[in-house]
Amino acid sequence: MPIEIATPFTPIASTIGGIMIGLSAVLVMALFGRIAGISGITTGALPMRRDDWSWRFAFVAGLIAAPLLVQAVTGSPVVQTVPGNLAAMALAGLFVGFGTVKGAGCTSGHGVCGLARLSGRSLAAVTIFMATAFATVFILRHIL
């Protein structure tokens, strides 16, 4: 039986979110000379011995704090729909982690920053992970 997941149309919120993502990518490049790739930032924040761990930690803390701030301002919780199958989510997380290591970056690093820099490697990476995402959604919604 196909899985039905309602996805609301949110053009204003999506546009504001896109602007904020772009702005953060520009600021990270301008201030720190780094690509705003979440996997690279997170990996670099873990060994706190690095000279640049503080901005990386602040960036990750901002990712965690943002939905809490939205909830505090709007008074309603931020809702994220995820599957209830924890084993499948853990497996998916391992696949994503493996992919970011093998692809030398993630959707934000390659998709936002790499494409903006006209990187051929990022174009190849984005093409592969978008095709994989399309295939996954098709299989989950129409075949399984």
C-alpha atoms as a PDB file:
ATOM      1  CA  MET A   1       0.000   0.000   0.000  1.00  0.00           C
ATOM      2  CA  PRO A   2       1.518   3.379  -1.001  1.00  0.00           C
ATOM      3  CA  ILE A   3       2.456   5.836   1.727  1.00  0.00           C
ATOM      4  CA  GLU A   4       0.524   9.111   1.588  1.00  0.00           C
ATOM      5  CA  ILE A   5       2.328  12.100   3.062  1.00  0.00           C
ATOM      6  CA  ALA A   6       0.697  15.503   2.783  1.00  0.00           C
ATOM      7  CA  THR A   7       3.189  18.220   1.958  1.00  0.00           C
ATOM      8  CA  PRO A   8       1.841  21.740   2.437  1.00  0.00           C
ATOM      9  CA  PHE A   9       2.579  24.490  -0.075  1.00  0.00           C
ATOM     10  CA  THR A  10       4.553  27.186   1.785  1.00  0.00           C
ATOM     11  CA  PRO A  11       6.014  29.647  -0.735  1.00  0.00           C
ATOM     12  CA  ILE A  12       6.622  32.505   1.705  1.00  0.00           C
ATOM     13  CA  ALA A  13       8.259  30.405   4.424  1.00  0.00           C
ATOM     14  CA  SER A  14      10.254  28.506   1.795  1.00  0.00           C
ATOM     15  CA  THR A  15      11.488  31.715   0.171  1.00  0.00           C
ATOM     16  CA  ILE A  16      12.516  33.185   3.523  1.00  0.00           C
ATOM     17  CA  GLY A  17      14.270  29.912   4.410  1.00  0.00           C
ATOM     18  CA  GLY A  18      16.103  29.884   1.076  1.00  0.00           C
ATOM     19  CA  ILE A  19      17.247  33.462   1.570  1.00  0.00           C
ATOM     20  CA  MET A  20      18.499  32.635   5.055  1.00  0.00           C
ATOM     21  CA  ILE A  21      20.391  29.571   3.792  1.00  0.00           C
ATOM     22  CA  GLY A  22      21.997  31.630   1.024  1.00  0.00           C
ATOM     23  CA  LEU A  23      22.877  34.425   3.425  1.00  0.00           C
ATOM     24  CA  SER A  24      24.461  32.003   5.890  1.00  0.00           C
ATOM     25  CA  ALA A  25      26.515  30.433   3.087  1.00  0.00           C
ATOM     26  CA  VAL A  26      27.763  33.861   1.986  1.00  0.00           C
ATOM     27  CA  LEU A  27      28.571  34.880   5.574  1.00  0.00           C
ATOM     28  CA  VAL A  28      30.503  31.675   6.315  1.00  0.00           C
ATOM     29  CA  MET A  29      32.535  32.176   3.126  1.00  0.00           C
ATOM     30  CA  ALA A  30      33.094  35.894   3.769  1.00  0.00           C
ATOM     31  CA  LEU A  31      33.923  35.622   7.469  1.00  0.00           C
ATOM     32  CA  PHE A  32      35.770  32.310   7.642  1.00  0.00           C
ATOM     33  CA  GLY A  33      36.731  31.488   4.054  1.00  0.00           C
ATOM     34  CA  ARG A  34      34.911  28.160   4.336  1.00  0.00           C
ATOM     35  CA  ILE A  35      32.144  26.323   2.536  1.00  0.00           C
ATOM     36  CA  ALA A  36      28.898  26.165   4.552  1.00  0.00           C
ATOM     37  CA  GLY A  37      28.567  22.396   4.235  1.00  0.00           C
ATOM     38  CA  ILE A  38      26.852  20.955   7.281  1.00  0.00           C
ATOM     39  CA  SER A  39      28.751  17.655   7.250  1.00  0.00           C
ATOM     40  CA  GLY A  40      32.113  19.427   7.068  1.00  0.00           C
ATOM     41  CA  ILE A  41      31.162  21.998   9.698  1.00  0.00           C
ATOM     42  CA  THR A  42      29.884  19.311  12.067  1.00  0.00           C
ATOM     43  CA  THR A  43      32.894  17.067  11.550  1.00  0.00           C
ATOM     44  CA  GLY A  44      35.221  20.017  12.124  1.00  0.00           C
ATOM     45  CA  ALA A  45      33.405  21.033  15.320  1.00  0.00           C
ATOM     46  CA  LEU A  46      33.865  17.658  16.999  1.00  0.00           C
ATOM     47  CA  PRO A  47      37.593  17.766  17.815  1.00  0.00           C
ATOM     48  CA  MET A  48      37.549  20.843  20.037  1.00  0.00           C
ATOM     49  CA  ARG A  49      41.329  21.138  19.706  1.00  0.00           C
ATOM     50  CA  ARG A  50      41.000  22.814  16.306  1.00  0.00           C
ATOM     51  CA  ASP A  51      41.569  26.542  16.078  1.00  0.00           C
ATOM     52  CA  ASP A  52      38.268  27.103  14.293  1.00  0.00           C
ATOM     53  CA  TRP A  53      35.932  24.890  16.338  1.00  0.00           C
ATOM     54  CA  SER A  54      34.105  27.814  18.006  1.00  0.00           C
ATOM     55  CA  TRP A  55      32.383  29.163  14.874  1.00  0.00           C
ATOM     56  CA  ARG A  56      31.599  25.608  13.778  1.00  0.00           C
ATOM     57  CA  PHE A  57      30.028  24.849  17.161  1.00  0.00           C
ATOM     58  CA  ALA A  58      28.036  28.114  16.994  1.00  0.00           C
ATOM     59  CA  PHE A  59      26.786  27.221  13.492  1.00  0.00           C
ATOM     60  CA  VAL A  60      25.578  23.778  14.619  1.00  0.00           C
ATOM     61  CA  ALA A  61      24.047  25.276  17.790  1.00  0.00           C
ATOM     62  CA  GLY A  62      22.160  27.712  15.550  1.00  0.00           C
ATOM     63  CA  LEU A  63      20.725  24.806  13.558  1.00  0.00           C
ATOM     64  CA  ILE A  64      19.422  23.297  16.774  1.00  0.00           C
ATOM     65  CA  ALA A  65      18.236  26.607  18.272  1.00  0.00           C
ATOM     66  CA  ALA A  66      16.379  27.861  15.174  1.00  0.00           C
ATOM     67  CA  PRO A  67      13.248  25.686  15.507  1.00  0.00           C
ATOM     68  CA  LEU A  68      13.150  26.412  19.239  1.00  0.00           C
ATOM     69  CA  LEU A  69      13.262  30.134  18.486  1.00  0.00           C
ATOM     70  CA  VAL A  70      10.500  29.801  15.892  1.00  0.00           C
ATOM     71  CA  GLN A  71       8.389  27.958  18.444  1.00  0.00           C
ATOM     72  CA  ALA A  72       9.030  30.633  21.077  1.00  0.00           C
ATOM     73  CA  VAL A  73       8.104  33.449  18.667  1.00  0.00           C
ATOM     74  CA  THR A  74       5.053  31.858  17.055  1.00  0.00           C
ATOM     75  CA  GLY A  75       3.783  29.922  20.049  1.00  0.00           C
ATOM     76  CA  SER A  76       3.253  26.781  17.990  1.00  0.00           C
ATOM     77  CA  PRO A  77       5.621  23.830  17.724  1.00  0.00           C
ATOM     78  CA  VAL A  78       7.654  23.227  14.607  1.00  0.00           C
ATOM     79  CA  VAL A  79       6.313  20.027  13.070  1.00  0.00           C
ATOM     80  CA  GLN A  80       8.541  17.667  11.129  1.00  0.00           C
ATOM     81  CA  THR A  81       7.046  14.523   9.665  1.00  0.00           C
ATOM     82  CA  VAL A  82       9.396  11.561   9.771  1.00  0.00           C
ATOM     83  CA  PRO A  83       8.731   7.844   9.519  1.00  0.00           C
ATOM     84  CA  GLY A  84       8.143   5.999  12.775  1.00  0.00           C
ATOM     85  CA  ASN A  85      10.439   3.125  11.803  1.00  0.00           C
ATOM     86  CA  LEU A  86      13.567   3.825  13.869  1.00  0.00           C
ATOM     87  CA  ALA A  87      15.577   0.985  12.320  1.00  0.00           C
ATOM     88  CA  ALA A  88      14.934   2.335   8.825  1.00  0.00           C
ATOM     89  CA  MET A  89      15.839   5.851   9.949  1.00  0.00           C
ATOM     90  CA  ALA A  90      19.087   4.609  11.500  1.00  0.00           C
ATOM     91  CA  LEU A  91      19.938   2.764   8.289  1.00  0.00           C
ATOM     92  CA  ALA A  92      19.089   5.851   6.228  1.00  0.00           C
ATOM     93  CA  GLY A  93      21.305   7.958   8.500  1.00  0.00           C
ATOM     94  CA  LEU A  94      24.200   5.555   7.963  1.00  0.00           C
ATOM     95  CA  PHE A  95      23.688   5.745   4.195  1.00  0.00           C
ATOM     96  CA  VAL A  96      23.662   9.542   4.304  1.00  0.00           C
ATOM     97  CA  GLY A  97      26.776   9.605   6.463  1.00  0.00           C
ATOM     98  CA  PHE A  98      28.554   7.167   4.141  1.00  0.00           C
ATOM     99  CA  GLY A  99      27.477   9.234   1.136  1.00  0.00           C
ATOM    100  CA  THR A 100      28.759  12.496   2.565  1.00  0.00           C
ATOM    101  CA  VAL A 101      32.137  10.916   3.285  1.00  0.00           C
ATOM    102  CA  LYS A 102      32.422   9.267  -0.151  1.00  0.00           C
ATOM    103  CA  GLY A 103      31.049  12.345  -1.944  1.00  0.00           C
ATOM    104  CA  ALA A 104      33.285  14.710   0.028  1.00  0.00           C
ATOM    105  CA  GLY A 105      30.325  16.834   1.053  1.00  0.00           C
ATOM    106  CA  CYS A 106      26.604  17.071   1.577  1.00  0.00           C
ATOM    107  CA  THR A 107      23.597  18.780   0.036  1.00  0.00           C
ATOM    108  CA  SER A 108      24.468  22.146   1.531  1.00  0.00           C
ATOM    109  CA  GLY A 109      28.154  21.982   0.619  1.00  0.00           C
ATOM    110  CA  HIS A 110      27.644  20.715  -2.912  1.00  0.00           C
ATOM    111  CA  GLY A 111      24.093  21.884  -3.624  1.00  0.00           C
ATOM    112  CA  VAL A 112      24.154  25.384  -2.195  1.00  0.00           C
ATOM    113  CA  CYS A 113      27.807  26.377  -2.189  1.00  0.00           C
ATOM    114  CA  GLY A 114      29.340  24.134  -4.848  1.00  0.00           C
ATOM    115  CA  LEU A 115      26.758  24.871  -7.537  1.00  0.00           C
ATOM    116  CA  ALA A 116      27.023  28.599  -6.778  1.00  0.00           C
ATOM    117  CA  ARG A 117      30.776  28.315  -7.441  1.00  0.00           C
ATOM    118  CA  LEU A 118      30.064  26.429 -10.702  1.00  0.00           C
ATOM    119  CA  SER A 119      31.907  23.342  -9.426  1.00  0.00           C
ATOM    120  CA  GLY A 120      31.724  20.397 -11.817  1.00  0.00           C
ATOM    121  CA  ARG A 121      32.284  17.970  -8.953  1.00  0.00           C
ATOM    122  CA  SER A 122      29.355  19.497  -7.082  1.00  0.00           C
ATOM    123  CA  LEU A 123      27.157  19.272 -10.179  1.00  0.00           C
ATOM    124  CA  ALA A 124      27.957  15.559 -10.430  1.00  0.00           C
ATOM    125  CA  ALA A 125      27.298  15.032  -6.711  1.00  0.00           C
ATOM    126  CA  VAL A 126      23.989  16.938  -6.780  1.00  0.00           C
ATOM    127  CA  THR A 127      22.856  15.029  -9.870  1.00  0.00           C
ATOM    128  CA  ILE A 128      23.584  11.707  -8.163  1.00  0.00           C
ATOM    129  CA  PHE A 129      21.978  12.476  -4.821  1.00  0.00           C
ATOM    130  CA  MET A 130      18.910  14.107  -6.370  1.00  0.00           C
ATOM    131  CA  ALA A 131      18.391  11.127  -8.696  1.00  0.00           C
ATOM    132  CA  THR A 132      18.752   8.839  -5.684  1.00  0.00           C
ATOM    133  CA  ALA A 133      16.253  10.930  -3.703  1.00  0.00           C
ATOM    134  CA  PHE A 134      13.741  10.878  -6.574  1.00  0.00           C
ATOM    135  CA  ALA A 135      14.100   7.104  -6.924  1.00  0.00           C
ATOM    136  CA  THR A 136      13.751   6.577  -3.163  1.00  0.00           C
ATOM    137  CA  VAL A 137      10.573   8.655  -2.936  1.00  0.00           C
ATOM    138  CA  PHE A 138       9.105   6.899  -5.977  1.00  0.00           C
ATOM    139  CA  ILE A 139       9.850   3.454  -4.558  1.00  0.00           C
ATOM    140  CA  LEU A 140       8.558   4.291  -1.074  1.00  0.00           C
ATOM    141  CA  ARG A 141       5.379   5.976  -2.289  1.00  0.00           C
ATOM    142  CA  HIS A 142       4.474   3.841  -5.278  1.00  0.00           C
ATOM    143  CA  ILE A 143       6.055   0.408  -5.023  1.00  0.00           C
ATOM    144  CA  LEU A 144       6.456  -0.572  -1.350  1.00  0.00           C
END
